Amino acid sequence: MDDATRDAVEAAAFRRLTALLRHRTDVQNVDLMGVGGFCRNCLSDWLADAAAARGVDLSKDAARKVVYGMPYADYKARHQTAATSDQLATMAASVAKNRADG
């Protein structure tokens, strides 16, 4: 696969992932972190970092709007619940594994 095709395929996969994450507001970021080691905020940060690496100005807030489909504060008010101690413990273990493995 050539680079242009790979970029187009990866971009399409990214758009599909963000559409799913916007749809699945029942899945909390803390749960994504606990199971997958990343969350919507991580994805937003990666997007902003990738833009910066290419000399494109994309603030973290603007990147979060891309991922969440709305300003982050609005998403939090509408969909985010308080994390339980079990969720936080699972997330902490996952974050530690990210550091150890990658």
PDB file of N, CA and C in Angstrom:
ATOM      1  N   MET A   1       0.860  -1.178   0.000  1.00  0.00           N
ATOM      2  CA  MET A   1       0.000   0.000   0.000  1.00  0.00           C
ATOM      3  C   MET A   1       0.897   1.229   0.000  1.00  0.00           C
ATOM      4  N   ASP A   2       0.623   2.159  -0.890  1.00  0.00           N
ATOM      5  CA  ASP A   2       1.425   3.378  -0.934  1.00  0.00           C
ATOM      6  C   ASP A   2       1.039   4.307   0.221  1.00  0.00           C
ATOM      7  N   ASP A   3       1.887   5.301   0.471  1.00  0.00           N
ATOM      8  CA  ASP A   3       1.692   6.195   1.619  1.00  0.00           C
ATOM      9  C   ASP A   3       0.384   6.977   1.547  1.00  0.00           C
ATOM     10  N   ALA A   4       0.017   7.466   0.380  1.00  0.00           N
ATOM     11  CA  ALA A   4      -1.218   8.256   0.252  1.00  0.00           C
ATOM     12  C   ALA A   4      -2.444   7.394   0.549  1.00  0.00           C
ATOM     13  N   THR A   5      -2.430   6.168   0.055  1.00  0.00           N
ATOM     14  CA  THR A   5      -3.547   5.256   0.320  1.00  0.00           C
ATOM     15  C   THR A   5      -3.598   4.892   1.798  1.00  0.00           C
ATOM     16  N   ARG A   6      -2.425   4.620   2.383  1.00  0.00           N
ATOM     17  CA  ARG A   6      -2.367   4.306   3.816  1.00  0.00           C
ATOM     18  C   ARG A   6      -2.916   5.457   4.640  1.00  0.00           C
ATOM     19  N   ASP A   7      -2.515   6.682   4.307  1.00  0.00           N
ATOM     20  CA  ASP A   7      -3.021   7.855   5.026  1.00  0.00           C
ATOM     21  C   ASP A   7      -4.537   7.966   4.905  1.00  0.00           C
ATOM     22  N   ALA A   8      -5.075   7.730   3.718  1.00  0.00           N
ATOM     23  CA  ALA A   8      -6.528   7.820   3.511  1.00  0.00           C
ATOM     24  C   ALA A   8      -7.254   6.732   4.291  1.00  0.00           C
ATOM     25  N   VAL A   9      -6.712   5.530   4.294  1.00  0.00           N
ATOM     26  CA  VAL A   9      -7.327   4.422   5.026  1.00  0.00           C
ATOM     27  C   VAL A   9      -7.285   4.687   6.529  1.00  0.00           C
ATOM     28  N   GLU A  10      -6.146   5.147   7.028  1.00  0.00           N
ATOM     29  CA  GLU A  10      -6.028   5.449   8.455  1.00  0.00           C
ATOM     30  C   GLU A  10      -6.941   6.598   8.850  1.00  0.00           C
ATOM     31  N   ALA A  11      -7.066   7.600   8.004  1.00  0.00           N
ATOM     32  CA  ALA A  11      -7.971   8.721   8.291  1.00  0.00           C
ATOM     33  C   ALA A  11      -9.413   8.241   8.361  1.00  0.00           C
ATOM     34  N   ALA A  12      -9.796   7.354   7.457  1.00  0.00           N
ATOM     35  CA  ALA A  12     -11.156   6.810   7.487  1.00  0.00           C
ATOM     36  C   ALA A  12     -11.391   6.008   8.763  1.00  0.00           C
ATOM     37  N   ALA A  13     -10.397   5.241   9.179  1.00  0.00           N
ATOM     38  CA  ALA A  13     -10.522   4.469  10.420  1.00  0.00           C
ATOM     39  C   ALA A  13     -10.631   5.399  11.623  1.00  0.00           C
ATOM     40  N   PHE A  14      -9.863   6.483  11.635  1.00  0.00           N
ATOM     41  CA  PHE A  14      -9.942   7.471  12.708  1.00  0.00           C
ATOM     42  C   PHE A  14     -11.338   8.082  12.777  1.00  0.00           C
ATOM     43  N   ARG A  15     -11.883   8.458  11.621  1.00  0.00           N
ATOM     44  CA  ARG A  15     -13.228   9.044  11.606  1.00  0.00           C
ATOM     45  C   ARG A  15     -14.261   8.041  12.118  1.00  0.00           C
ATOM     46  N   ARG A  16     -14.095   6.789  11.769  1.00  0.00           N
ATOM     47  CA  ARG A  16     -15.028   5.768  12.250  1.00  0.00           C
ATOM     48  C   ARG A  16     -14.902   5.587  13.765  1.00  0.00           C
ATOM     49  N   LEU A  17     -13.674   5.594  14.267  1.00  0.00           N
ATOM     50  CA  LEU A  17     -13.463   5.480  15.714  1.00  0.00           C
ATOM     51  C   LEU A  17     -14.078   6.671  16.441  1.00  0.00           C
ATOM     52  N   THR A  18     -13.851   7.886  15.968  1.00  0.00           N
ATOM     53  CA  THR A  18     -14.419   9.046  16.662  1.00  0.00           C
ATOM     54  C   THR A  18     -15.941   9.029  16.590  1.00  0.00           C
ATOM     55  N   ALA A  19     -16.512   8.573  15.485  1.00  0.00           N
ATOM     56  CA  ALA A  19     -17.978   8.470  15.392  1.00  0.00           C
ATOM     57  C   ALA A  19     -18.509   7.474  16.425  1.00  0.00           C
ATOM     58  N   LEU A  20     -17.835   6.366  16.586  1.00  0.00           N
ATOM     59  CA  LEU A  20     -18.256   5.379  17.576  1.00  0.00           C
ATOM     60  C   LEU A  20     -18.136   5.934  18.994  1.00  0.00           C
ATOM     61  N   LEU A  21     -17.033   6.613  19.282  1.00  0.00           N
ATOM     62  CA  LEU A  21     -16.853   7.178  20.618  1.00  0.00           C
ATOM     63  C   LEU A  21     -17.887   8.259  20.917  1.00  0.00           C
ATOM     64  N   ARG A  22     -18.287   9.017  19.904  1.00  0.00           N
ATOM     65  CA  ARG A  22     -19.342  10.021  20.092  1.00  0.00           C
ATOM     66  C   ARG A  22     -20.680   9.343  20.362  1.00  0.00           C
ATOM     67  N   HIS A  23     -20.930   8.248  19.678  1.00  0.00           N
ATOM     68  CA  HIS A  23     -22.184   7.507  19.850  1.00  0.00           C
ATOM     69  C   HIS A  23     -22.248   6.813  21.211  1.00  0.00           C
ATOM     70  N   ARG A  24     -21.130   6.246  21.655  1.00  0.00           N
ATOM     71  CA  ARG A  24     -21.114   5.454  22.878  1.00  0.00           C
ATOM     72  C   ARG A  24     -20.794   6.318  24.098  1.00  0.00           C
ATOM     73  N   THR A  25     -21.665   7.273  24.345  1.00  0.00           N
ATOM     74  CA  THR A  25     -21.484   8.149  25.505  1.00  0.00           C
ATOM     75  C   THR A  25     -21.671   7.401  26.817  1.00  0.00           C
ATOM     76  N   ASP A  26     -22.231   6.181  26.748  1.00  0.00           N
ATOM     77  CA  ASP A  26     -22.376   5.362  27.950  1.00  0.00           C
ATOM     78  C   ASP A  26     -21.039   4.807  28.430  1.00  0.00           C
ATOM     79  N   VAL A  27     -20.042   4.797  27.569  1.00  0.00           N
ATOM     80  CA  VAL A  27     -18.717   4.290  27.938  1.00  0.00           C
ATOM     81  C   VAL A  27     -17.889   5.463  28.446  1.00  0.00           C
ATOM     82  N   GLN A  28     -17.584   5.417  29.716  1.00  0.00           N
ATOM     83  CA  GLN A  28     -16.847   6.498  30.348  1.00  0.00           C
ATOM     84  C   GLN A  28     -15.359   6.431  29.999  1.00  0.00           C
ATOM     85  N   ASN A  29     -14.699   7.589  29.978  1.00  0.00           N
ATOM     86  CA  ASN A  29     -13.261   7.626  29.716  1.00  0.00           C
ATOM     87  C   ASN A  29     -12.483   6.775  30.708  1.00  0.00           C
ATOM     88  N   VAL A  30     -12.880   6.800  31.957  1.00  0.00           N
ATOM     89  CA  VAL A  30     -12.166   6.030  32.968  1.00  0.00           C
ATOM     90  C   VAL A  30     -12.237   4.533  32.649  1.00  0.00           C
ATOM     91  N   ASP A  31     -13.354   4.087  32.071  1.00  0.00           N
ATOM     92  CA  ASP A  31     -13.472   2.680  31.681  1.00  0.00           C
ATOM     93  C   ASP A  31     -12.615   2.374  30.455  1.00  0.00           C
ATOM     94  N   LEU A  32     -12.598   3.286  29.489  1.00  0.00           N
ATOM     95  CA  LEU A  32     -11.708   3.104  28.342  1.00  0.00           C
ATOM     96  C   LEU A  32     -10.255   3.003  28.800  1.00  0.00           C
ATOM     97  N   MET A  33      -9.860   3.863  29.719  1.00  0.00           N
ATOM     98  CA  MET A  33      -8.498   3.823  30.252  1.00  0.00           C
ATOM     99  C   MET A  33      -8.225   2.509  30.965  1.00  0.00           C
ATOM    100  N   GLY A  34      -9.204   2.051  31.734  1.00  0.00           N
ATOM    101  CA  GLY A  34      -9.019   0.826  32.502  1.00  0.00           C
ATOM    102  C   GLY A  34      -8.882  -0.410  31.635  1.00  0.00           C
ATOM    103  N   VAL A  35      -9.620  -0.439  30.526  1.00  0.00           N
ATOM    104  CA  VAL A  35      -9.608  -1.619  29.657  1.00  0.00           C
ATOM    105  C   VAL A  35      -8.583  -1.491  28.537  1.00  0.00           C
ATOM    106  N   GLY A  36      -8.554  -0.338  27.897  1.00  0.00           N
ATOM    107  CA  GLY A  36      -7.726  -0.187  26.707  1.00  0.00           C
ATOM    108  C   GLY A  36      -6.453   0.609  26.885  1.00  0.00           C
ATOM    109  N   GLY A  37      -6.325   1.288  28.003  1.00  0.00           N
ATOM    110  CA  GLY A  37      -5.120   2.078  28.234  1.00  0.00           C
ATOM    111  C   GLY A  37      -5.108   3.425  27.530  1.00  0.00           C
ATOM    112  N   PHE A  38      -6.250   3.823  26.970  1.00  0.00           N
ATOM    113  CA  PHE A  38      -6.370   5.143  26.363  1.00  0.00           C
ATOM    114  C   PHE A  38      -7.831   5.562  26.457  1.00  0.00           C
ATOM    115  N   CYS A  39      -8.065   6.860  26.259  1.00  0.00           N
ATOM    116  CA  CYS A  39      -9.436   7.365  26.298  1.00  0.00           C
ATOM    117  C   CYS A  39      -9.593   8.460  25.246  1.00  0.00           C
ATOM    118  N   ARG A  40     -10.729   9.086  25.247  1.00  0.00           N
ATOM    119  CA  ARG A  40     -11.000  10.169  24.296  1.00  0.00           C
ATOM    120  C   ARG A  40      -9.992  11.305  24.454  1.00  0.00           C
ATOM    121  N   ASN A  41      -9.632  11.616  25.691  1.00  0.00           N
ATOM    122  CA  ASN A  41      -8.659  12.685  25.928  1.00  0.00           C
ATOM    123  C   ASN A  41      -7.294  12.308  25.367  1.00  0.00           C
ATOM    124  N   CYS A  42      -6.903  11.049  25.524  1.00  0.00           N
ATOM    125  CA  CYS A  42      -5.632  10.592  24.957  1.00  0.00           C
ATOM    126  C   CYS A  42      -5.650  10.762  23.445  1.00  0.00           C
ATOM    127  N   LEU A  43      -6.725  10.313  22.825  1.00  0.00           N
ATOM    128  CA  LEU A  43      -6.855  10.424  21.374  1.00  0.00           C
ATOM    129  C   LEU A  43      -6.784  11.883  20.936  1.00  0.00           C
ATOM    130  N   SER A  44      -7.420  12.761  21.694  1.00  0.00           N
ATOM    131  CA  SER A  44      -7.359  14.199  21.401  1.00  0.00           C
ATOM    132  C   SER A  44      -5.931  14.717  21.511  1.00  0.00           C
ATOM    133  N   ASP A  45      -5.234  14.304  22.555  1.00  0.00           N
ATOM    134  CA  ASP A  45      -3.842  14.729  22.743  1.00  0.00           C
ATOM    135  C   ASP A  45      -2.964  14.233  21.599  1.00  0.00           C
ATOM    136  N   TRP A  46      -3.166  12.982  21.187  1.00  0.00           N
ATOM    137  CA  TRP A  46      -2.384  12.431  20.070  1.00  0.00           C
ATOM    138  C   TRP A  46      -2.648  13.206  18.789  1.00  0.00           C
ATOM    139  N   LEU A  47      -3.889  13.596  18.580  1.00  0.00           N
ATOM    140  CA  LEU A  47      -4.255  14.375  17.400  1.00  0.00           C
ATOM    141  C   LEU A  47      -3.553  15.734  17.424  1.00  0.00           C
ATOM    142  N   ALA A  48      -3.586  16.413  18.558  1.00  0.00           N
ATOM    143  CA  ALA A  48      -2.923  17.711  18.691  1.00  0.00           C
ATOM    144  C   ALA A  48      -1.413  17.565  18.525  1.00  0.00           C
ATOM    145  N   ASP A  49      -0.843  16.514  19.089  1.00  0.00           N
ATOM    146  CA  ASP A  49       0.602  16.277  18.960  1.00  0.00           C
ATOM    147  C   ASP A  49       0.986  16.010  17.502  1.00  0.00           C
ATOM    148  N   ALA A  50       0.176  15.219  16.799  1.00  0.00           N
ATOM    149  CA  ALA A  50       0.453  14.920  15.393  1.00  0.00           C
ATOM    150  C   ALA A  50       0.376  16.195  14.548  1.00  0.00           C
ATOM    151  N   ALA A  51      -0.595  17.047  14.854  1.00  0.00           N
ATOM    152  CA  ALA A  51      -0.706  18.314  14.134  1.00  0.00           C
ATOM    153  C   ALA A  51       0.527  19.181  14.393  1.00  0.00           C
ATOM    154  N   ALA A  52       0.917  19.276  15.653  1.00  0.00           N
ATOM    155  CA  ALA A  52       2.075  20.099  16.015  1.00  0.00           C
ATOM    156  C   ALA A  52       3.345  19.592  15.326  1.00  0.00           C
ATOM    157  N   ALA A  53       3.496  18.275  15.231  1.00  0.00           N
ATOM    158  CA  ALA A  53       4.671  17.693  14.589  1.00  0.00           C
ATOM    159  C   ALA A  53       4.742  18.055  13.109  1.00  0.00           C
ATOM    160  N   ARG A  54       3.607  18.424  12.549  1.00  0.00           N
ATOM    161  CA  ARG A  54       3.548  18.806  11.139  1.00  0.00           C
ATOM    162  C   ARG A  54       3.414  20.321  10.953  1.00  0.00           C
ATOM    163  N   GLY A  55       3.621  21.059  12.048  1.00  0.00           N
ATOM    164  CA  GLY A  55       3.569  22.515  11.982  1.00  0.00           C
ATOM    165  C   GLY A  55       2.165  23.087  11.880  1.00  0.00           C
ATOM    166  N   VAL A  56       1.168  22.272  12.240  1.00  0.00           N
ATOM    167  CA  VAL A  56      -0.224  22.706  12.182  1.00  0.00           C
ATOM    168  C   VAL A  56      -0.662  23.113  13.580  1.00  0.00           C
ATOM    169  N   ASP A  57      -1.258  24.286  13.695  1.00  0.00           N
ATOM    170  CA  ASP A  57      -1.724  24.775  14.987  1.00  0.00           C
ATOM    171  C   ASP A  57      -3.092  24.167  15.297  1.00  0.00           C
ATOM    172  N   LEU A  58      -3.133  23.224  16.216  1.00  0.00           N
ATOM    173  CA  LEU A  58      -4.378  22.612  16.678  1.00  0.00           C
ATOM    174  C   LEU A  58      -4.280  22.512  18.196  1.00  0.00           C
ATOM    175  N   SER A  59      -5.018  23.361  18.881  1.00  0.00           N
ATOM    176  CA  SER A  59      -4.962  23.358  20.344  1.00  0.00           C
ATOM    177  C   SER A  59      -5.565  22.074  20.891  1.00  0.00           C
ATOM    178  N   LYS A  60      -5.241  21.772  22.132  1.00  0.00           N
ATOM    179  CA  LYS A  60      -5.819  20.583  22.772  1.00  0.00           C
ATOM    180  C   LYS A  60      -7.341  20.717  22.849  1.00  0.00           C
ATOM    181  N   ASP A  61      -7.847  21.921  23.109  1.00  0.00           N
ATOM    182  CA  ASP A  61      -9.301  22.124  23.146  1.00  0.00           C
ATOM    183  C   ASP A  61      -9.934  21.870  21.782  1.00  0.00           C
ATOM    184  N   ALA A  62      -9.290  22.352  20.730  1.00  0.00           N
ATOM    185  CA  ALA A  62      -9.814  22.128  19.380  1.00  0.00           C
ATOM    186  C   ALA A  62      -9.755  20.650  19.016  1.00  0.00           C
ATOM    187  N   ALA A  63      -8.697  19.970  19.424  1.00  0.00           N
ATOM    188  CA  ALA A  63      -8.578  18.535  19.164  1.00  0.00           C
ATOM    189  C   ALA A  63      -9.660  17.757  19.922  1.00  0.00           C
ATOM    190  N   ARG A  64      -9.947  18.172  21.146  1.00  0.00           N
ATOM    191  CA  ARG A  64     -11.017  17.506  21.902  1.00  0.00           C
ATOM    192  C   ARG A  64     -12.363  17.705  21.227  1.00  0.00           C
ATOM    193  N   LYS A  65     -12.580  18.867  20.634  1.00  0.00           N
ATOM    194  CA  LYS A  65     -13.834  19.102  19.930  1.00  0.00           C
ATOM    195  C   LYS A  65     -13.955  18.166  18.725  1.00  0.00           C
ATOM    196  N   VAL A  66     -12.843  17.898  18.058  1.00  0.00           N
ATOM    197  CA  VAL A  66     -12.838  16.944  16.941  1.00  0.00           C
ATOM    198  C   VAL A  66     -13.244  15.559  17.440  1.00  0.00           C
ATOM    199  N   VAL A  67     -12.660  15.121  18.532  1.00  0.00           N
ATOM    200  CA  VAL A  67     -12.921  13.773  19.041  1.00  0.00           C
ATOM    201  C   VAL A  67     -14.302  13.666  19.675  1.00  0.00           C
ATOM    202  N   TYR A  68     -14.667  14.631  20.493  1.00  0.00           N
ATOM    203  CA  TYR A  68     -15.937  14.573  21.214  1.00  0.00           C
ATOM    204  C   TYR A  68     -17.132  15.018  20.366  1.00  0.00           C
ATOM    205  N   GLY A  69     -16.873  15.772  19.312  1.00  0.00           N
ATOM    206  CA  GLY A  69     -17.962  16.294  18.498  1.00  0.00           C
ATOM    207  C   GLY A  69     -18.645  17.497  19.112  1.00  0.00           C
ATOM    208  N   MET A  70     -18.075  18.016  20.161  1.00  0.00           N
ATOM    209  CA  MET A  70     -18.600  19.187  20.869  1.00  0.00           C
ATOM    210  C   MET A  70     -17.510  19.657  21.830  1.00  0.00           C
ATOM    211  N   PRO A  71     -17.625  20.858  22.377  1.00  0.00           N
ATOM    212  CA  PRO A  71     -16.646  21.279  23.382  1.00  0.00           C
ATOM    213  C   PRO A  71     -16.612  20.280  24.547  1.00  0.00           C
ATOM    214  N   TYR A  72     -15.426  20.057  25.059  1.00  0.00           N
ATOM    215  CA  TYR A  72     -15.225  19.075  26.129  1.00  0.00           C
ATOM    216  C   TYR A  72     -16.093  19.375  27.345  1.00  0.00           C
ATOM    217  N   ALA A  73     -16.213  20.638  27.710  1.00  0.00           N
ATOM    218  CA  ALA A  73     -17.029  21.001  28.875  1.00  0.00           C
ATOM    219  C   ALA A  73     -18.486  20.583  28.676  1.00  0.00           C
ATOM    220  N   ASP A  74     -18.989  20.734  27.469  1.00  0.00           N
ATOM    221  CA  ASP A  74     -20.364  20.321  27.178  1.00  0.00           C
ATOM    222  C   ASP A  74     -20.508  18.808  27.293  1.00  0.00           C
ATOM    223  N   TYR A  75     -19.533  18.077  26.753  1.00  0.00           N
ATOM    224  CA  TYR A  75     -19.575  16.614  26.832  1.00  0.00           C
ATOM    225  C   TYR A  75     -19.585  16.162  28.296  1.00  0.00           C
ATOM    226  N   LYS A  76     -18.669  16.739  29.079  1.00  0.00           N
ATOM    227  CA  LYS A  76     -18.599  16.366  30.493  1.00  0.00           C
ATOM    228  C   LYS A  76     -19.921  16.619  31.195  1.00  0.00           C
ATOM    229  N   ALA A  77     -20.524  17.764  30.947  1.00  0.00           N
ATOM    230  CA  ALA A  77     -21.788  18.103  31.609  1.00  0.00           C
ATOM    231  C   ALA A  77     -22.912  17.156  31.198  1.00  0.00           C
ATOM    232  N   ARG A  78     -22.909  16.724  29.959  1.00  0.00           N
ATOM    233  CA  ARG A  78     -23.984  15.866  29.454  1.00  0.00           C
ATOM    234  C   ARG A  78     -23.792  14.380  29.752  1.00  0.00           C
ATOM    235  N   HIS A  79     -22.530  13.916  29.728  1.00  0.00           N
ATOM    236  CA  HIS A  79     -22.316  12.466  29.689  1.00  0.00           C
ATOM    237  C   HIS A  79     -21.381  11.893  30.745  1.00  0.00           C
ATOM    238  N   GLN A  80     -20.531  12.684  31.335  1.00  0.00           N
ATOM    239  CA  GLN A  80     -19.527  12.132  32.236  1.00  0.00           C
ATOM    240  C   GLN A  80     -20.071  12.013  33.648  1.00  0.00           C
ATOM    241  N   THR A  81     -19.843  10.859  34.244  1.00  0.00           N
ATOM    242  CA  THR A  81     -20.241  10.625  35.628  1.00  0.00           C
ATOM    243  C   THR A  81     -19.000  10.561  36.509  1.00  0.00           C
ATOM    244  N   ALA A  82     -19.209  10.659  37.805  1.00  0.00           N
ATOM    245  CA  ALA A  82     -18.093  10.557  38.736  1.00  0.00           C
ATOM    246  C   ALA A  82     -17.542   9.136  38.718  1.00  0.00           C
ATOM    247  N   ALA A  83     -16.232   9.033  38.736  1.00  0.00           N
ATOM    248  CA  ALA A  83     -15.582   7.723  38.728  1.00  0.00           C
ATOM    249  C   ALA A  83     -15.645   7.099  40.112  1.00  0.00           C
ATOM    250  N   THR A  84     -15.829   5.790  40.129  1.00  0.00           N
ATOM    251  CA  THR A  84     -15.816   5.059  41.396  1.00  0.00           C
ATOM    252  C   THR A  84     -14.375   4.743  41.781  1.00  0.00           C
ATOM    253  N   SER A  85     -14.172   4.347  43.008  1.00  0.00           N
ATOM    254  CA  SER A  85     -12.818   3.975  43.434  1.00  0.00           C
ATOM    255  C   SER A  85     -12.320   2.751  42.674  1.00  0.00           C
ATOM    256  N   ASP A  86     -13.213   1.819  42.346  1.00  0.00           N
ATOM    257  CA  ASP A  86     -12.813   0.649  41.557  1.00  0.00           C
ATOM    258  C   ASP A  86     -12.379   1.056  40.151  1.00  0.00           C
ATOM    259  N   GLN A  87     -13.133   1.966  39.522  1.00  0.00           N
ATOM    260  CA  GLN A  87     -12.761   2.442  38.189  1.00  0.00           C
ATOM    261  C   GLN A  87     -11.396   3.125  38.216  1.00  0.00           C
ATOM    262  N   LEU A  88     -11.172   3.946  39.233  1.00  0.00           N
ATOM    263  CA  LEU A  88      -9.895   4.655  39.345  1.00  0.00           C
ATOM    264  C   LEU A  88      -8.741   3.692  39.573  1.00  0.00           C
ATOM    265  N   ALA A  89      -8.964   2.660  40.363  1.00  0.00           N
ATOM    266  CA  ALA A  89      -7.911   1.666  40.614  1.00  0.00           C
ATOM    267  C   ALA A  89      -7.586   0.888  39.339  1.00  0.00           C
ATOM    268  N   THR A  90      -8.615   0.507  38.602  1.00  0.00           N
ATOM    269  CA  THR A  90      -8.401  -0.204  37.341  1.00  0.00           C
ATOM    270  C   THR A  90      -7.656   0.678  36.350  1.00  0.00           C
ATOM    271  N   MET A  91      -8.047   1.947  36.286  1.00  0.00           N
ATOM    272  CA  MET A  91      -7.373   2.883  35.395  1.00  0.00           C
ATOM    273  C   MET A  91      -5.906   3.045  35.792  1.00  0.00           C
ATOM    274  N   ALA A  92      -5.624   3.180  37.069  1.00  0.00           N
ATOM    275  CA  ALA A  92      -4.249   3.353  37.536  1.00  0.00           C
ATOM    276  C   ALA A  92      -3.387   2.146  37.151  1.00  0.00           C
ATOM    277  N   ALA A  93      -3.937   0.945  37.287  1.00  0.00           N
ATOM    278  CA  ALA A  93      -3.198  -0.254  36.902  1.00  0.00           C
ATOM    279  C   ALA A  93      -2.930  -0.266  35.399  1.00  0.00           C
ATOM    280  N   SER A  94      -3.898   0.169  34.621  1.00  0.00           N
ATOM    281  CA  SER A  94      -3.737   0.213  33.169  1.00  0.00           C
ATOM    282  C   SER A  94      -2.686   1.240  32.762  1.00  0.00           C
ATOM    283  N   VAL A  95      -2.728   2.406  33.381  1.00  0.00           N
ATOM    284  CA  VAL A  95      -1.746   3.443  33.076  1.00  0.00           C
ATOM    285  C   VAL A  95      -0.350   2.950  33.425  1.00  0.00           C
ATOM    286  N   ALA A  96      -0.213   2.252  34.549  1.00  0.00           N
ATOM    287  CA  ALA A  96       1.100   1.699  34.936  1.00  0.00           C
ATOM    288  C   ALA A  96       1.575   0.675  33.905  1.00  0.00           C
ATOM    289  N   LYS A  97       0.668  -0.120  33.384  1.00  0.00           N
ATOM    290  CA  LYS A  97       1.031  -1.112  32.368  1.00  0.00           C
ATOM    291  C   LYS A  97       1.493  -0.407  31.092  1.00  0.00           C
ATOM    292  N   ASN A  98       0.827   0.689  30.722  1.00  0.00           N
ATOM    293  CA  ASN A  98       1.263   1.447  29.551  1.00  0.00           C
ATOM    294  C   ASN A  98       2.722   1.875  29.699  1.00  0.00           C
ATOM    295  N   ARG A  99       3.093   2.339  30.849  1.00  0.00           N
ATOM    296  CA  ARG A  99       4.461   2.788  31.093  1.00  0.00           C
ATOM    297  C   ARG A  99       5.429   1.612  31.039  1.00  0.00           C
ATOM    298  N   ALA A 100       5.033   0.483  31.593  1.00  0.00           N
ATOM    299  CA  ALA A 100       5.915  -0.677  31.662  1.00  0.00           C
ATOM    300  C   ALA A 100       6.091  -1.340  30.303  1.00  0.00           C
ATOM    301  N   ASP A 101       5.038  -1.329  29.489  1.00  0.00           N
ATOM    302  CA  ASP A 101       5.071  -2.046  28.213  1.00  0.00           C
ATOM    303  C   ASP A 101       5.397  -1.176  27.013  1.00  0.00           C
ATOM    304  N   GLY A 102       5.315   0.098  27.174  1.00  0.00           N
ATOM    305  CA  GLY A 102       5.477   0.854  25.954  1.00  0.00           C
ATOM    306  C   GLY A 102       6.058   2.165  26.136  1.00  0.00           C
TER     307      GLY A 102
END
